C-alpha atoms as a PDB file:
ATOM      1  CA  UNK A   1       8.947  14.274  10.903  1.00  0.00           C
ATOM      2  CA  UNK A   2      10.708  17.176  10.137  1.00  0.00           C
ATOM      3  CA  UNK A   3       8.504  17.539   7.164  1.00  0.00           C
ATOM      4  CA  UNK A   4       5.731  17.261   9.328  1.00  0.00           C
ATOM      5  CA  UNK A   5       6.825  19.803  11.778  1.00  0.00           C
ATOM      6  CA  UNK A   6       7.643  22.114   8.793  1.00  0.00           C
ATOM      7  CA  UNK A   7       4.262  21.985   7.032  1.00  0.00           C
ATOM      8  CA  UNK A   8       2.184  21.015  10.283  1.00  0.00           C
ATOM      9  CA  UNK A   9      -0.402  23.889   9.918  1.00  0.00           C
ATOM     10  CA  UNK A  10      -1.394  22.899   6.352  1.00  0.00           C
ATOM     11  CA  UNK A  11      -1.008  19.149   6.841  1.00  0.00           C
ATOM     12  CA  UNK A  12      -3.409  19.611   9.570  1.00  0.00           C
ATOM     13  CA  UNK A  13      -6.238  21.458   7.514  1.00  0.00           C
ATOM     14  CA  UNK A  14      -5.999  18.525   4.727  1.00  0.00           C
ATOM     15  CA  UNK A  15      -8.978  16.398   4.792  1.00  0.00           C
ATOM     16  CA  UNK A  16      -8.460  12.563   6.571  1.00  0.00           C
ATOM     17  CA  UNK A  17      -8.299  10.804   3.591  1.00  0.00           C
ATOM     18  CA  UNK A  18      -6.097  13.053   1.777  1.00  0.00           C
ATOM     19  CA  UNK A  19      -3.891  12.987   4.887  1.00  0.00           C
ATOM     20  CA  UNK A  20      -3.814   8.802   4.778  1.00  0.00           C
ATOM     21  CA  UNK A  21      -3.380   9.054   0.857  1.00  0.00           C
ATOM     22  CA  UNK A  22      -0.096  10.967   1.245  1.00  0.00           C
ATOM     23  CA  UNK A  23       1.261   9.555   4.012  1.00  0.00           C
ATOM     24  CA  UNK A  24       0.829   6.172   2.384  1.00  0.00           C
ATOM     25  CA  UNK A  25       2.385   7.324  -1.008  1.00  0.00           C
ATOM     26  CA  UNK A  26       5.533   9.054   1.141  1.00  0.00           C
ATOM     27  CA  UNK A  27       6.061   6.078   3.292  1.00  0.00           C
ATOM     28  CA  UNK A  28       5.781   3.500  -0.205  1.00  0.00           C
ATOM     29  CA  UNK A  29       8.468   5.927  -1.921  1.00  0.00           C
ATOM     30  CA  UNK A  30      10.453   6.225   1.019  1.00  0.00           C
ATOM     31  CA  UNK A  31      10.751   2.428   0.875  1.00  0.00           C
ATOM     32  CA  UNK A  32      12.373   2.652  -1.857  1.00  0.00           C
ATOM     33  CA  UNK A  33      15.579   3.883  -0.445  1.00  0.00           C
ATOM     34  CA  UNK A  34      15.798   0.609   1.263  1.00  0.00           C
ATOM     35  CA  UNK A  35      15.108  -1.709  -1.586  1.00  0.00           C
ATOM     36  CA  UNK A  36      17.695   0.050  -4.186  1.00  0.00           C
ATOM     37  CA  UNK A  37      21.279   1.826  -3.703  1.00  0.00           C
ATOM     38  CA  UNK A  38      21.029   5.485  -4.805  1.00  0.00           C
ATOM     39  CA  UNK A  39      21.142   5.355  -8.461  1.00  0.00           C
ATOM     40  CA  UNK A  40      19.003   2.659  -8.798  1.00  0.00           C
ATOM     41  CA  UNK A  41      16.692   4.104  -6.672  1.00  0.00           C
ATOM     42  CA  UNK A  42      16.601   7.482  -9.207  1.00  0.00           C
ATOM     43  CA  UNK A  43      16.241   4.707 -11.792  1.00  0.00           C
ATOM     44  CA  UNK A  44      13.480   3.205 -10.152  1.00  0.00           C
ATOM     45  CA  UNK A  45      11.421   6.030  -9.537  1.00  0.00           C
ATOM     46  CA  UNK A  46      11.701   7.617 -12.824  1.00  0.00           C
ATOM     47  CA  UNK A  47      10.375   4.482 -14.398  1.00  0.00           C
ATOM     48  CA  UNK A  48       7.410   5.342 -11.773  1.00  0.00           C
ATOM     49  CA  UNK A  49       7.028   8.653 -13.397  1.00  0.00           C
ATOM     50  CA  UNK A  50       6.829   6.925 -16.865  1.00  0.00           C
ATOM     51  CA  UNK A  51      10.242   8.262 -17.765  1.00  0.00           C
ATOM     52  CA  UNK A  52      12.251   4.520 -17.481  1.00  0.00           C
ATOM     53  CA  UNK A  53      15.476   3.974 -19.165  1.00  0.00           C
ATOM     54  CA  UNK A  54      14.142   0.297 -19.939  1.00  0.00           C
ATOM     55  CA  UNK A  55      16.385  -1.097 -17.189  1.00  0.00           C
ATOM     56  CA  UNK A  56      13.985  -0.949 -14.628  1.00  0.00           C
ATOM     57  CA  UNK A  57      10.753  -2.225 -14.890  1.00  0.00           C
ATOM     58  CA  UNK A  58       7.762  -0.156 -15.982  1.00  0.00           C
ATOM     59  CA  UNK A  59       4.824  -0.899 -14.373  1.00  0.00           C
ATOM     60  CA  UNK A  60       1.671  -1.401 -16.387  1.00  0.00           C
ATOM     61  CA  UNK A  61      -1.365  -0.574 -15.890  1.00  0.00           C
ATOM     62  CA  UNK A  62      -2.735  -3.863 -14.802  1.00  0.00           C
ATOM     63  CA  UNK A  63      -0.127  -3.026 -11.743  1.00  0.00           C
ATOM     64  CA  UNK A  64      -1.627   0.469 -10.943  1.00  0.00           C
ATOM     65  CA  UNK A  65      -4.933  -1.332 -10.719  1.00  0.00           C
ATOM     66  CA  UNK A  66      -4.052  -3.863  -8.642  1.00  0.00           C
ATOM     67  CA  UNK A  67      -2.222  -1.226  -6.127  1.00  0.00           C
ATOM     68  CA  UNK A  68      -5.376   0.892  -6.192  1.00  0.00           C
ATOM     69  CA  UNK A  69      -7.683  -2.232  -5.327  1.00  0.00           C
ATOM     70  CA  UNK A  70      -4.854  -2.847  -2.330  1.00  0.00           C
ATOM     71  CA  UNK A  71      -5.203   0.499  -1.369  1.00  0.00           C
ATOM     72  CA  UNK A  72      -8.906   0.667  -1.577  1.00  0.00           C
ATOM     73  CA  UNK A  73      -9.539  -2.815   0.573  1.00  0.00           C
ATOM     74  CA  UNK A  74      -6.891  -1.442   3.211  1.00  0.00           C
ATOM     75  CA  UNK A  75      -8.225   1.810   3.741  1.00  0.00           C
ATOM     76  CA  UNK A  76     -12.344   1.877   2.752  1.00  0.00           C
ATOM     77  CA  UNK A  77     -13.296  -1.612   3.381  1.00  0.00           C
ATOM     78  CA  UNK A  78     -14.318  -1.927   6.969  1.00  0.00           C
ATOM     79  CA  UNK A  79     -14.482  -5.673   7.698  1.00  0.00           C
ATOM     80  CA  UNK A  80     -14.324  -5.757  11.445  1.00  0.00           C
ATOM     81  CA  UNK A  81     -17.342  -3.370  11.644  1.00  0.00           C
ATOM     82  CA  UNK A  82     -19.056  -5.357   9.107  1.00  0.00           C
ATOM     83  CA  UNK A  83     -18.753  -8.510  11.221  1.00  0.00           C
ATOM     84  CA  UNK A  84     -19.394  -6.936  14.491  1.00  0.00           C
ATOM     85  CA  UNK A  85     -22.776  -6.065  13.235  1.00  0.00           C
ATOM     86  CA  UNK A  86     -23.920  -9.629  12.850  1.00  0.00           C
ATOM     87  CA  UNK A  87     -26.159 -10.456  15.574  1.00  0.00           C
ATOM     88  CA  UNK A  88     -25.320 -14.091  15.900  1.00  0.00           C
ATOM     89  CA  UNK A  89     -21.811 -15.057  17.420  1.00  0.00           C
ATOM     90  CA  UNK A  90     -21.526 -18.230  15.038  1.00  0.00           C
ATOM     91  CA  UNK A  91     -22.509 -16.057  12.206  1.00  0.00           C
ATOM     92  CA  UNK A  92     -19.829 -13.299  13.091  1.00  0.00           C
ATOM     93  CA  UNK A  93     -17.131 -15.801  13.579  1.00  0.00           C
ATOM     94  CA  UNK A  94     -17.913 -17.407  10.113  1.00  0.00           C
ATOM     95  CA  UNK A  95     -18.257 -13.830   8.306  1.00  0.00           C
ATOM     96  CA  UNK A  96     -14.939 -12.721  10.315  1.00  0.00           C
ATOM     97  CA  UNK A  97     -13.148 -16.184   8.944  1.00  0.00           C
ATOM     98  CA  UNK A  98     -14.512 -15.460   5.152  1.00  0.00           C
ATOM     99  CA  UNK A  99     -13.283 -12.071   5.774  1.00  0.00           C
ATOM    100  CA  UNK A 100      -9.743 -13.190   6.593  1.00  0.00           C
ATOM    101  CA  UNK A 101      -9.741 -15.544   3.716  1.00  0.00           C
ATOM    102  CA  UNK A 102     -10.532 -12.879   1.224  1.00  0.00           C
ATOM    103  CA  UNK A 103      -7.227 -11.170   2.803  1.00  0.00           C
ATOM    104  CA  UNK A 104      -5.343 -14.267   2.382  1.00  0.00           C
ATOM    105  CA  UNK A 105      -6.267 -14.895  -1.445  1.00  0.00           C
ATOM    106  CA  UNK A 106      -5.618 -10.826  -1.988  1.00  0.00           C
ATOM    107  CA  UNK A 107      -2.492 -11.323  -0.603  1.00  0.00           C
ATOM    108  CA  UNK A 108      -1.551 -14.465  -2.461  1.00  0.00           C
ATOM    109  CA  UNK A 109      -2.177 -12.552  -5.544  1.00  0.00           C
ATOM    110  CA  UNK A 110       1.094 -10.515  -5.024  1.00  0.00           C
ATOM    111  CA  UNK A 111       3.170 -13.359  -3.668  1.00  0.00           C
ATOM    112  CA  UNK A 112       4.865 -13.811  -6.954  1.00  0.00           C
ATOM    113  CA  UNK A 113       5.106  -9.945  -7.851  1.00  0.00           C
ATOM    114  CA  UNK A 114       7.981  -9.667  -5.419  1.00  0.00           C
ATOM    115  CA  UNK A 115      11.906 -11.036  -5.893  1.00  0.00           C
ATOM    116  CA  UNK A 116      13.108 -10.564  -2.466  1.00  0.00           C
ATOM    117  CA  UNK A 117      11.869  -9.785   1.203  1.00  0.00           C
ATOM    118  CA  UNK A 118      13.173  -6.281   1.869  1.00  0.00           C
ATOM    119  CA  UNK A 119      14.146  -7.070   5.773  1.00  0.00           C
ATOM    120  CA  UNK A 120      16.918  -9.675   4.382  1.00  0.00           C
ATOM    121  CA  UNK A 121      18.635  -6.603   3.074  1.00  0.00           C
ATOM    122  CA  UNK A 122      19.662  -5.336   6.793  1.00  0.00           C
END
């Protein structure tokens, strides 16, 4: 909030998609501080920047592609709008169920990528 108040004028002039992307990036990087203690957080962030020491896992191209795909689905695919455009209620319900199924399948692809639930650290 302090950062926003200091840069409000410049931030508000940015295009909305860029504001969303920057907010997503800042929040994602902020979560690192909840996952690791400070020295390990610095090491992890260094590995994200490509300067890893070998102690933290270096993200592969596959991981970056998966992250980009998840970002694209979350912010640019409007499943609800597509489902509401269908005329018949039964078809609308089927399409909405299929969309939720696709989101579940994408979510399940990431299940093995996490080693621990972050909220258990509190």
